[in-house]
PDB file of all heavy atoms in Angstrom:
ATOM      1  N   TRP A   1       0.896  -1.266  -0.054  1.00  0.00           N
ATOM      2  CA  TRP A   1      -0.044  -0.073  -0.039  1.00  0.00           C
ATOM      3  C   TRP A   1       0.911   1.149   0.021  1.00  0.00           C
ATOM      4  O   TRP A   1       1.784   1.311   0.696  1.00  0.00           O
ATOM      5  CB  TRP A   1      -0.901  -0.079   1.234  1.00  0.00           C
ATOM      6  CG  TRP A   1      -1.844  -1.176   1.218  1.00  0.00           C
ATOM      7  CD1 TRP A   1      -1.659  -2.408   1.712  1.00  0.00           C
ATOM      8  CD2 TRP A   1      -3.155  -1.116   0.656  1.00  0.00           C
ATOM      9  NE1 TRP A   1      -2.853  -3.180   1.494  1.00  0.00           N
ATOM     10  CE2 TRP A   1      -3.754  -2.408   0.856  1.00  0.00           C
ATOM     11  CE3 TRP A   1      -3.966  -0.161   0.020  1.00  0.00           C
ATOM     12  CZ2 TRP A   1      -4.999  -2.740   0.477  1.00  0.00           C
ATOM     13  CZ3 TRP A   1      -5.136  -0.475  -0.420  1.00  0.00           C
ATOM     14  CH2 TRP A   1      -5.689  -1.717  -0.281  1.00  0.00           C
ATOM     15  N   SER A   2       0.556   2.247  -0.879  1.00  0.00           N
ATOM     16  CA  SER A   2       1.303   3.421  -1.007  1.00  0.00           C
ATOM     17  C   SER A   2       0.336   4.647  -0.770  1.00  0.00           C
ATOM     18  O   SER A   2      -0.722   4.629  -1.299  1.00  0.00           O
ATOM     19  CB  SER A   2       2.062   3.548  -2.243  1.00  0.00           C
ATOM     20  OG  SER A   2       1.230   3.522  -3.301  1.00  0.00           O
ATOM     21  N   THR A   3       0.743   5.644   0.035  1.00  0.00           N
ATOM     22  CA  THR A   3      -0.037   6.769   0.411  1.00  0.00           C
ATOM     23  C   THR A   3       0.029   7.640  -0.868  1.00  0.00           C
ATOM     24  O   THR A   3       1.076   8.074  -1.245  1.00  0.00           O
ATOM     25  CB  THR A   3       0.377   7.466   1.694  1.00  0.00           C
ATOM     26  OG1 THR A   3       0.366   6.563   2.713  1.00  0.00           O
ATOM     27  CG2 THR A   3      -0.407   8.712   1.978  1.00  0.00           C
ATOM     28  N   PHE A   4      -1.152   8.126  -1.266  1.00  0.00           N
ATOM     29  CA  PHE A   4      -1.270   9.036  -2.368  1.00  0.00           C
ATOM     30  C   PHE A   4      -1.781  10.397  -1.971  1.00  0.00           C
ATOM     31  O   PHE A   4      -1.690  11.328  -2.718  1.00  0.00           O
ATOM     32  CB  PHE A   4      -1.896   8.501  -3.620  1.00  0.00           C
ATOM     33  CG  PHE A   4      -3.408   8.228  -3.436  1.00  0.00           C
ATOM     34  CD1 PHE A   4      -4.399   9.158  -3.701  1.00  0.00           C
ATOM     35  CD2 PHE A   4      -3.899   6.944  -3.024  1.00  0.00           C
ATOM     36  CE1 PHE A   4      -5.670   8.979  -3.537  1.00  0.00           C
ATOM     37  CE2 PHE A   4      -5.222   6.689  -2.868  1.00  0.00           C
ATOM     38  CZ  PHE A   4      -6.098   7.718  -3.087  1.00  0.00           C
ATOM     39  N   ALA A   5      -2.266  10.502  -0.852  1.00  0.00           N
ATOM     40  CA  ALA A   5      -2.828  11.782  -0.339  1.00  0.00           C
ATOM     41  C   ALA A   5      -3.016  11.770   1.214  1.00  0.00           C
ATOM     42  O   ALA A   5      -3.272  10.705   1.780  1.00  0.00           O
ATOM     43  CB  ALA A   5      -4.144  12.187  -0.983  1.00  0.00           C
ATOM     44  N   THR A   6      -2.840  12.856   1.885  1.00  0.00           N
ATOM     45  CA  THR A   6      -3.206  13.042   3.294  1.00  0.00           C
ATOM     46  C   THR A   6      -4.216  14.147   3.404  1.00  0.00           C
ATOM     47  O   THR A   6      -4.140  15.291   2.812  1.00  0.00           O
ATOM     48  CB  THR A   6      -1.900  13.398   4.167  1.00  0.00           C
ATOM     49  OG1 THR A   6      -1.003  12.479   3.892  1.00  0.00           O
ATOM     50  CG2 THR A   6      -2.353  13.553   5.611  1.00  0.00           C
ATOM     51  N   GLN A   7      -5.417  13.793   4.015  1.00  0.00           N
ATOM     52  CA  GLN A   7      -6.578  14.762   4.016  1.00  0.00           C
ATOM     53  C   GLN A   7      -7.081  14.942   5.458  1.00  0.00           C
ATOM     54  O   GLN A   7      -7.163  14.078   6.255  1.00  0.00           O
ATOM     55  CB  GLN A   7      -7.732  14.087   3.208  1.00  0.00           C
ATOM     56  CG  GLN A   7      -7.465  13.910   1.733  1.00  0.00           C
ATOM     57  CD  GLN A   7      -7.788  15.183   0.967  1.00  0.00           C
ATOM     58  OE1 GLN A   7      -7.011  15.503   0.164  1.00  0.00           O
ATOM     59  NE2 GLN A   7      -8.818  15.763   1.230  1.00  0.00           N
ATOM     60  N   PRO A   8      -7.514  16.254   5.726  1.00  0.00           N
ATOM     61  CA  PRO A   8      -8.388  16.383   6.871  1.00  0.00           C
ATOM     62  C   PRO A   8      -9.589  15.587   6.808  1.00  0.00           C
ATOM     63  O   PRO A   8     -10.187  15.667   5.661  1.00  0.00           O
ATOM     64  CB  PRO A   8      -8.533  17.910   6.966  1.00  0.00           C
ATOM     65  CG  PRO A   8      -8.041  18.528   5.652  1.00  0.00           C
ATOM     66  CD  PRO A   8      -7.356  17.394   4.882  1.00  0.00           C
ATOM     67  N   ALA A   9     -10.181  15.129   7.751  1.00  0.00           N
ATOM     68  CA  ALA A   9     -11.443  14.329   7.716  1.00  0.00           C
ATOM     69  C   ALA A   9     -12.404  14.493   8.952  1.00  0.00           C
ATOM     70  O   ALA A   9     -11.937  14.690  10.007  1.00  0.00           O
ATOM     71  CB  ALA A   9     -11.078  12.881   7.489  1.00  0.00           C
ATOM     72  N   TYR A  10     -13.601  14.202   8.581  1.00  0.00           N
ATOM     73  CA  TYR A  10     -14.555  13.960   9.683  1.00  0.00           C
ATOM     74  C   TYR A  10     -14.787  12.413   9.834  1.00  0.00           C
ATOM     75  O   TYR A  10     -14.910  11.694   8.860  1.00  0.00           O
ATOM     76  CB  TYR A  10     -15.981  14.581   9.256  1.00  0.00           C
ATOM     77  CG  TYR A  10     -17.096  14.244  10.182  1.00  0.00           C
ATOM     78  CD1 TYR A  10     -17.263  14.761  11.527  1.00  0.00           C
ATOM     79  CD2 TYR A  10     -18.055  13.272   9.740  1.00  0.00           C
ATOM     80  CE1 TYR A  10     -18.261  14.421  12.274  1.00  0.00           C
ATOM     81  CE2 TYR A  10     -19.176  12.969  10.536  1.00  0.00           C
ATOM     82  CZ  TYR A  10     -19.233  13.556  11.748  1.00  0.00           C
ATOM     83  OH  TYR A  10     -20.349  13.237  12.602  1.00  0.00           O
ATOM     84  N   PHE A  11     -14.711  11.924  11.020  1.00  0.00           N
ATOM     85  CA  PHE A  11     -14.571  10.485  11.292  1.00  0.00           C
ATOM     86  C   PHE A  11     -15.502  10.107  12.465  1.00  0.00           C
ATOM     87  O   PHE A  11     -15.445  10.678  13.517  1.00  0.00           O
ATOM     88  CB  PHE A  11     -13.170  10.041  11.555  1.00  0.00           C
ATOM     89  CG  PHE A  11     -12.875   8.656  11.233  1.00  0.00           C
ATOM     90  CD1 PHE A  11     -12.517   8.276   9.860  1.00  0.00           C
ATOM     91  CD2 PHE A  11     -12.855   7.660  12.202  1.00  0.00           C
ATOM     92  CE1 PHE A  11     -12.108   6.963   9.647  1.00  0.00           C
ATOM     93  CE2 PHE A  11     -12.671   6.310  11.851  1.00  0.00           C
ATOM     94  CZ  PHE A  11     -12.245   5.949  10.673  1.00  0.00           C
ATOM     95  N   LYS A  12     -16.502   9.180  12.129  1.00  0.00           N
ATOM     96  CA  LYS A  12     -17.455   8.823  13.193  1.00  0.00           C
ATOM     97  C   LYS A  12     -17.850   7.349  13.042  1.00  0.00           C
ATOM     98  O   LYS A  12     -17.955   6.845  11.930  1.00  0.00           O
ATOM     99  CB  LYS A  12     -18.725   9.713  12.973  1.00  0.00           C
ATOM    100  CG  LYS A  12     -19.667   9.503  14.021  1.00  0.00           C
ATOM    101  CD  LYS A  12     -20.881  10.339  13.875  1.00  0.00           C
ATOM    102  CE  LYS A  12     -21.836  10.121  15.031  1.00  0.00           C
ATOM    103  NZ  LYS A  12     -23.045  10.829  14.877  1.00  0.00           N
ATOM    104  N   ALA A  13     -18.003   6.727  14.207  1.00  0.00           N
ATOM    105  CA  ALA A  13     -18.477   5.307  14.200  1.00  0.00           C
ATOM    106  C   ALA A  13     -19.906   5.272  13.811  1.00  0.00           C
ATOM    107  O   ALA A  13     -20.827   6.064  14.201  1.00  0.00           O
ATOM    108  CB  ALA A  13     -18.274   4.719  15.612  1.00  0.00           C
ATOM    109  N   LEU A  14     -20.340   4.186  12.990  1.00  0.00           N
ATOM    110  CA  LEU A  14     -21.733   4.129  12.603  1.00  0.00           C
ATOM    111  C   LEU A  14     -22.399   2.939  13.271  1.00  0.00           C
ATOM    112  O   LEU A  14     -23.344   3.055  13.891  1.00  0.00           O
ATOM    113  CB  LEU A  14     -21.758   3.877  11.030  1.00  0.00           C
ATOM    114  CG  LEU A  14     -21.565   5.027  10.139  1.00  0.00           C
ATOM    115  CD1 LEU A  14     -21.487   4.580   8.661  1.00  0.00           C
ATOM    116  CD2 LEU A  14     -22.524   6.190  10.469  1.00  0.00           C
ATOM    117  N   SER A  15     -21.720   1.722  13.042  1.00  0.00           N
ATOM    118  CA  SER A  15     -22.396   0.527  13.747  1.00  0.00           C
ATOM    119  C   SER A  15     -21.265  -0.557  13.900  1.00  0.00           C
ATOM    120  O   SER A  15     -20.206  -0.422  13.246  1.00  0.00           O
ATOM    121  CB  SER A  15     -23.434  -0.083  12.808  1.00  0.00           C
ATOM    122  OG  SER A  15     -22.887  -0.486  11.485  1.00  0.00           O
ATOM    123  N   GLY A  16     -21.545  -1.450  14.701  1.00  0.00           N
ATOM    124  CA  GLY A  16     -20.698  -2.474  14.901  1.00  0.00           C
ATOM    125  C   GLY A  16     -21.394  -3.858  15.075  1.00  0.00           C
ATOM    126  O   GLY A  16     -22.582  -3.928  15.258  1.00  0.00           O
ATOM    127  N   GLY A  17     -20.646  -4.955  14.972  1.00  0.00           N
ATOM    128  CA  GLY A  17     -21.327  -6.193  15.026  1.00  0.00           C
ATOM    129  C   GLY A  17     -20.320  -7.292  15.062  1.00  0.00           C
ATOM    130  O   GLY A  17     -19.089  -7.088  15.198  1.00  0.00           O
ATOM    131  N   GLU A  18     -20.870  -8.685  14.990  1.00  0.00           N
ATOM    132  CA  GLU A  18     -20.070  -9.743  14.839  1.00  0.00           C
ATOM    133  C   GLU A  18     -20.501 -10.621  13.783  1.00  0.00           C
ATOM    134  O   GLU A  18     -21.637 -10.591  13.416  1.00  0.00           O
ATOM    135  CB  GLU A  18     -20.119 -10.443  16.257  1.00  0.00           C
ATOM    136  CG  GLU A  18     -19.536  -9.688  17.363  1.00  0.00           C
ATOM    137  CD  GLU A  18     -19.766 -10.431  18.689  1.00  0.00           C
ATOM    138  OE1 GLU A  18     -20.727 -11.356  18.800  1.00  0.00           O
ATOM    139  OE2 GLU A  18     -19.003 -10.244  19.630  1.00  0.00           O
ATOM    140  N   ARG A  19     -19.590 -11.409  13.311  1.00  0.00           N
ATOM    141  CA  ARG A  19     -19.991 -12.289  12.176  1.00  0.00           C
ATOM    142  C   ARG A  19     -19.134 -13.593  12.310  1.00  0.00           C
ATOM    143  O   ARG A  19     -17.988 -13.451  12.792  1.00  0.00           O
ATOM    144  CB  ARG A  19     -19.841 -11.620  10.744  1.00  0.00           C
ATOM    145  CG  ARG A  19     -18.498 -11.249  10.462  1.00  0.00           C
ATOM    146  CD  ARG A  19     -18.269 -10.519   9.136  1.00  0.00           C
ATOM    147  NE  ARG A  19     -16.863 -10.041   9.106  1.00  0.00           N
ATOM    148  CZ  ARG A  19     -16.552  -9.240   8.186  1.00  0.00           C
ATOM    149  NH1 ARG A  19     -17.386  -8.556   7.353  1.00  0.00           N
ATOM    150  NH2 ARG A  19     -15.331  -8.803   8.146  1.00  0.00           N
ATOM    151  N   TYR A  20     -19.545 -14.672  11.740  1.00  0.00           N
ATOM    152  CA  TYR A  20     -18.798 -15.861  11.638  1.00  0.00           C
ATOM    153  C   TYR A  20     -17.888 -15.839  10.360  1.00  0.00           C
ATOM    154  O   TYR A  20     -18.396 -15.723   9.315  1.00  0.00           O
ATOM    155  CB  TYR A  20     -19.695 -17.073  11.784  1.00  0.00           C
ATOM    156  CG  TYR A  20     -20.021 -17.437  13.158  1.00  0.00           C
ATOM    157  CD1 TYR A  20     -21.323 -17.020  13.547  1.00  0.00           C
ATOM    158  CD2 TYR A  20     -19.221 -18.066  14.020  1.00  0.00           C
ATOM    159  CE1 TYR A  20     -21.807 -17.247  14.873  1.00  0.00           C
ATOM    160  CE2 TYR A  20     -19.627 -18.383  15.314  1.00  0.00           C
ATOM    161  CZ  TYR A  20     -20.872 -17.924  15.657  1.00  0.00           C
ATOM    162  OH  TYR A  20     -21.218 -18.273  16.964  1.00  0.00           O
ATOM    163  N   VAL A  21     -16.542 -16.089  10.518  1.00  0.00           N
ATOM    164  CA  VAL A  21     -15.780 -16.127   9.322  1.00  0.00           C
ATOM    165  C   VAL A  21     -14.781 -17.427   9.590  1.00  0.00           C
ATOM    166  O   VAL A  21     -14.104 -17.506  10.649  1.00  0.00           O
ATOM    167  CB  VAL A  21     -14.826 -14.847   9.199  1.00  0.00           C
ATOM    168  CG1 VAL A  21     -13.827 -15.053   8.140  1.00  0.00           C
ATOM    169  CG2 VAL A  21     -15.660 -13.589   9.050  1.00  0.00           C
ATOM    170  N   TYR A  22     -14.934 -18.352   8.816  1.00  0.00           N
ATOM    171  CA  TYR A  22     -14.223 -19.567   8.816  1.00  0.00           C
ATOM    172  C   TYR A  22     -14.369 -20.259  10.219  1.00  0.00           C
ATOM    173  O   TYR A  22     -13.399 -20.509  10.978  1.00  0.00           O
ATOM    174  CB  TYR A  22     -12.725 -19.387   8.609  1.00  0.00           C
ATOM    175  CG  TYR A  22     -12.418 -18.824   7.233  1.00  0.00           C
ATOM    176  CD1 TYR A  22     -11.964 -17.637   6.952  1.00  0.00           C
ATOM    177  CD2 TYR A  22     -12.686 -19.722   6.050  1.00  0.00           C
ATOM    178  CE1 TYR A  22     -11.753 -17.085   5.767  1.00  0.00           C
ATOM    179  CE2 TYR A  22     -12.618 -19.231   4.751  1.00  0.00           C
ATOM    180  CZ  TYR A  22     -12.049 -17.927   4.707  1.00  0.00           C
ATOM    181  OH  TYR A  22     -11.748 -17.496   3.304  1.00  0.00           O
ATOM    182  N   GLU A  23     -15.649 -20.437  10.744  1.00  0.00           N
ATOM    183  CA  GLU A  23     -15.957 -20.919  11.879  1.00  0.00           C
ATOM    184  C   GLU A  23     -15.406 -20.311  13.205  1.00  0.00           C
ATOM    185  O   GLU A  23     -15.176 -20.958  14.213  1.00  0.00           O
ATOM    186  CB  GLU A  23     -15.656 -22.531  11.820  1.00  0.00           C
ATOM    187  CG  GLU A  23     -16.380 -23.231  10.841  1.00  0.00           C
ATOM    188  CD  GLU A  23     -16.140 -24.705  10.883  1.00  0.00           C
ATOM    189  OE1 GLU A  23     -15.681 -25.247  11.883  1.00  0.00           O
ATOM    190  OE2 GLU A  23     -16.382 -25.341   9.979  1.00  0.00           O
ATOM    191  N   ARG A  24     -15.271 -19.013  13.065  1.00  0.00           N
ATOM    192  CA  ARG A  24     -14.799 -18.332  14.219  1.00  0.00           C
ATOM    193  C   ARG A  24     -15.563 -16.872  14.372  1.00  0.00           C
ATOM    194  O   ARG A  24     -15.960 -16.421  13.213  1.00  0.00           O
ATOM    195  CB  ARG A  24     -13.329 -18.066  14.313  1.00  0.00           C
ATOM    196  CG  ARG A  24     -12.802 -17.116  13.247  1.00  0.00           C
ATOM    197  CD  ARG A  24     -11.309 -17.040  13.396  1.00  0.00           C
ATOM    198  NE  ARG A  24     -10.924 -16.147  12.289  1.00  0.00           N
ATOM    199  CZ  ARG A  24      -9.919 -15.335  12.190  1.00  0.00           C
ATOM    200  NH1 ARG A  24      -9.221 -15.334  13.186  1.00  0.00           N
ATOM    201  NH2 ARG A  24      -9.692 -14.662  11.209  1.00  0.00           N
ATOM    202  N   LEU A  25     -15.719 -16.367  15.446  1.00  0.00           N
ATOM    203  CA  LEU A  25     -16.463 -15.113  15.581  1.00  0.00           C
ATOM    204  C   LEU A  25     -15.538 -13.979  15.423  1.00  0.00           C
ATOM    205  O   LEU A  25     -14.437 -14.047  15.964  1.00  0.00           O
ATOM    206  CB  LEU A  25     -17.161 -15.082  17.015  1.00  0.00           C
ATOM    207  CG  LEU A  25     -18.179 -13.973  17.318  1.00  0.00           C
ATOM    208  CD1 LEU A  25     -19.317 -14.259  16.275  1.00  0.00           C
ATOM    209  CD2 LEU A  25     -18.634 -14.127  18.631  1.00  0.00           C
ATOM    210  N   GLU A  26     -15.836 -13.074  14.628  1.00  0.00           N
ATOM    211  CA  GLU A  26     -15.054 -11.898  14.230  1.00  0.00           C
ATOM    212  C   GLU A  26     -15.855 -10.583  14.392  1.00  0.00           C
ATOM    213  O   GLU A  26     -16.993 -10.404  13.863  1.00  0.00           O
ATOM    214  CB  GLU A  26     -14.499 -12.024  12.861  1.00  0.00           C
ATOM    215  CG  GLU A  26     -13.432 -11.129  12.497  1.00  0.00           C
ATOM    216  CD  GLU A  26     -12.970 -11.399  11.062  1.00  0.00           C
ATOM    217  OE1 GLU A  26     -11.978 -12.129  10.909  1.00  0.00           O
ATOM    218  OE2 GLU A  26     -13.444 -10.813  10.098  1.00  0.00           O
ATOM    219  N   ALA A  27     -15.343  -9.600  15.097  1.00  0.00           N
ATOM    220  CA  ALA A  27     -15.892  -8.362  15.275  1.00  0.00           C
ATOM    221  C   ALA A  27     -15.685  -7.409  14.116  1.00  0.00           C
ATOM    222  O   ALA A  27     -14.666  -7.466  13.546  1.00  0.00           O
ATOM    223  CB  ALA A  27     -15.411  -7.663  16.524  1.00  0.00           C
ATOM    224  N   ASN A  28     -16.680  -6.668  13.697  1.00  0.00           N
ATOM    225  CA  ASN A  28     -16.507  -5.643  12.641  1.00  0.00           C
ATOM    226  C   ASN A  28     -17.192  -4.336  13.064  1.00  0.00           C
ATOM    227  O   ASN A  28     -18.166  -4.399  13.787  1.00  0.00           O
ATOM    228  CB  ASN A  28     -17.107  -6.217  11.324  1.00  0.00           C
ATOM    229  CG  ASN A  28     -18.473  -6.425  11.186  1.00  0.00           C
ATOM    230  OD1 ASN A  28     -19.081  -6.709  12.279  1.00  0.00           O
ATOM    231  ND2 ASN A  28     -19.048  -6.267  10.129  1.00  0.00           N
ATOM    232  N   GLN A  29     -16.721  -3.299  12.511  1.00  0.00           N
ATOM    233  CA  GLN A  29     -17.324  -1.980  12.756  1.00  0.00           C
ATOM    234  C   GLN A  29     -17.205  -1.216  11.558  1.00  0.00           C
ATOM    235  O   GLN A  29     -16.185  -1.013  10.925  1.00  0.00           O
ATOM    236  CB  GLN A  29     -16.564  -1.324  14.027  1.00  0.00           C
ATOM    237  CG  GLN A  29     -17.296  -0.057  14.474  1.00  0.00           C
ATOM    238  CD  GLN A  29     -16.804   0.337  15.858  1.00  0.00           C
ATOM    239  OE1 GLN A  29     -15.843  -0.173  16.417  1.00  0.00           O
ATOM    240  NE2 GLN A  29     -17.463   1.283  16.428  1.00  0.00           N
ATOM    241  N   LEU A  30     -18.331  -0.360  11.339  1.00  0.00           N
ATOM    242  CA  LEU A  30     -18.378   0.486  10.214  1.00  0.00           C
ATOM    243  C   LEU A  30     -18.274   1.925  10.637  1.00  0.00           C
ATOM    244  O   LEU A  30     -18.640   2.287  11.738  1.00  0.00           O
ATOM    245  CB  LEU A  30     -19.715   0.340   9.402  1.00  0.00           C
ATOM    246  CG  LEU A  30     -19.901  -0.958   8.631  1.00  0.00           C
ATOM    247  CD1 LEU A  30     -21.261  -0.932   8.093  1.00  0.00           C
ATOM    248  CD2 LEU A  30     -18.849  -1.170   7.621  1.00  0.00           C
ATOM    249  N   PHE A  31     -17.487   2.808   9.883  1.00  0.00           N
ATOM    250  CA  PHE A  31     -17.296   4.211  10.178  1.00  0.00           C
ATOM    251  C   PHE A  31     -17.622   5.084   8.995  1.00  0.00           C
ATOM    252  O   PHE A  31     -17.593   4.595   7.870  1.00  0.00           O
ATOM    253  CB  PHE A  31     -15.817   4.417  10.585  1.00  0.00           C
ATOM    254  CG  PHE A  31     -15.343   3.731  11.762  1.00  0.00           C
ATOM    255  CD1 PHE A  31     -15.038   2.437  11.792  1.00  0.00           C
ATOM    256  CD2 PHE A  31     -15.417   4.483  13.010  1.00  0.00           C
ATOM    257  CE1 PHE A  31     -14.591   1.831  12.968  1.00  0.00           C
ATOM    258  CE2 PHE A  31     -14.938   3.764  14.227  1.00  0.00           C
ATOM    259  CZ  PHE A  31     -14.561   2.463  14.217  1.00  0.00           C
ATOM    260  N   ARG A  32     -18.037   6.314   9.223  1.00  0.00           N
ATOM    261  CA  ARG A  32     -18.285   7.341   8.239  1.00  0.00           C
ATOM    262  C   ARG A  32     -17.047   8.207   8.286  1.00  0.00           C
ATOM    263  O   ARG A  32     -16.608   8.772   9.253  1.00  0.00           O
ATOM    264  CB  ARG A  32     -19.515   8.091   8.419  1.00  0.00           C
ATOM    265  CG  ARG A  32     -19.680   9.329   7.565  1.00  0.00           C
ATOM    266  CD  ARG A  32     -20.818  10.142   7.858  1.00  0.00           C
ATOM    267  NE  ARG A  32     -22.047   9.318   7.308  1.00  0.00           N
ATOM    268  CZ  ARG A  32     -23.139   9.138   7.971  1.00  0.00           C
ATOM    269  NH1 ARG A  32     -23.196   9.592   9.187  1.00  0.00           N
ATOM    270  NH2 ARG A  32     -24.143   8.466   7.551  1.00  0.00           N
ATOM    271  N   CYS A  33     -16.492   8.402   7.010  1.00  0.00           N
ATOM    272  CA  CYS A  33     -15.327   9.265   6.929  1.00  0.00           C
ATOM    273  C   CYS A  33     -15.641  10.271   5.845  1.00  0.00           C
ATOM    274  O   CYS A  33     -15.973   9.892   4.689  1.00  0.00           O
ATOM    275  CB  CYS A  33     -14.094   8.554   6.594  1.00  0.00           C
ATOM    276  SG  CYS A  33     -12.613   9.521   6.306  1.00  0.00           S
ATOM    277  N   VAL A  34     -15.600  11.595   6.089  1.00  0.00           N
ATOM    278  CA  VAL A  34     -15.982  12.550   5.117  1.00  0.00           C
ATOM    279  C   VAL A  34     -14.749  13.485   4.837  1.00  0.00           C
ATOM    280  O   VAL A  34     -14.111  13.883   5.834  1.00  0.00           O
ATOM    281  CB  VAL A  34     -17.167  13.344   5.560  1.00  0.00           C
ATOM    282  CG1 VAL A  34     -17.485  14.604   4.613  1.00  0.00           C
ATOM    283  CG2 VAL A  34     -18.405  12.569   5.864  1.00  0.00           C
ATOM    284  N   ILE A  35     -14.366  13.555   3.666  1.00  0.00           N
ATOM    285  CA  ILE A  35     -13.236  14.386   3.219  1.00  0.00           C
ATOM    286  C   ILE A  35     -13.719  15.380   2.155  1.00  0.00           C
ATOM    287  O   ILE A  35     -14.834  15.104   1.619  1.00  0.00           O
ATOM    288  CB  ILE A  35     -12.039  13.526   2.717  1.00  0.00           C
ATOM    289  CG1 ILE A  35     -12.457  12.693   1.498  1.00  0.00           C
ATOM    290  CG2 ILE A  35     -11.522  12.654   3.786  1.00  0.00           C
ATOM    291  CD1 ILE A  35     -11.250  11.996   0.845  1.00  0.00           C
ATOM    292  N   ARG A  36     -12.880  16.312   1.764  1.00  0.00           N
ATOM    293  CA  ARG A  36     -13.179  17.183   0.620  1.00  0.00           C
ATOM    294  C   ARG A  36     -13.148  16.321  -0.606  1.00  0.00           C
ATOM    295  O   ARG A  36     -12.383  15.300  -0.717  1.00  0.00           O
ATOM    296  CB  ARG A  36     -12.178  18.240   0.521  1.00  0.00           C
ATOM    297  CG  ARG A  36     -12.380  19.293   1.585  1.00  0.00           C
ATOM    298  CD  ARG A  36     -11.499  20.416   1.320  1.00  0.00           C
ATOM    299  NE  ARG A  36     -11.583  21.421   2.409  1.00  0.00           N
ATOM    300  CZ  ARG A  36     -12.579  22.290   2.696  1.00  0.00           C
ATOM    301  NH1 ARG A  36     -13.478  22.411   1.852  1.00  0.00           N
ATOM    302  NH2 ARG A  36     -12.452  23.096   3.765  1.00  0.00           N
ATOM    303  N   TYR A  37     -13.967  16.727  -1.645  1.00  0.00           N
ATOM    304  CA  TYR A  37     -14.183  15.957  -2.766  1.00  0.00           C
ATOM    305  C   TYR A  37     -12.829  15.728  -3.557  1.00  0.00           C
ATOM    306  O   TYR A  37     -12.036  16.597  -3.778  1.00  0.00           O
ATOM    307  CB  TYR A  37     -15.064  16.537  -3.740  1.00  0.00           C
ATOM    308  CG  TYR A  37     -15.308  15.777  -5.092  1.00  0.00           C
ATOM    309  CD1 TYR A  37     -16.057  14.715  -5.108  1.00  0.00           C
ATOM    310  CD2 TYR A  37     -14.643  16.193  -6.158  1.00  0.00           C
ATOM    311  CE1 TYR A  37     -16.189  14.027  -6.239  1.00  0.00           C
ATOM    312  CE2 TYR A  37     -14.748  15.466  -7.386  1.00  0.00           C
ATOM    313  CZ  TYR A  37     -15.604  14.446  -7.366  1.00  0.00           C
ATOM    314  OH  TYR A  37     -15.757  13.737  -8.587  1.00  0.00           O
TER     315      TYR A  37
END
């Protein structure tokens, strides 16, 4: 992975949960990130 830009942002948690992946429980969380266009 290579960085192509650094931006100021608004960052906020939206939701979280758990899911089964390969027979194990894994936590996941979604976030909203807003940057300039």
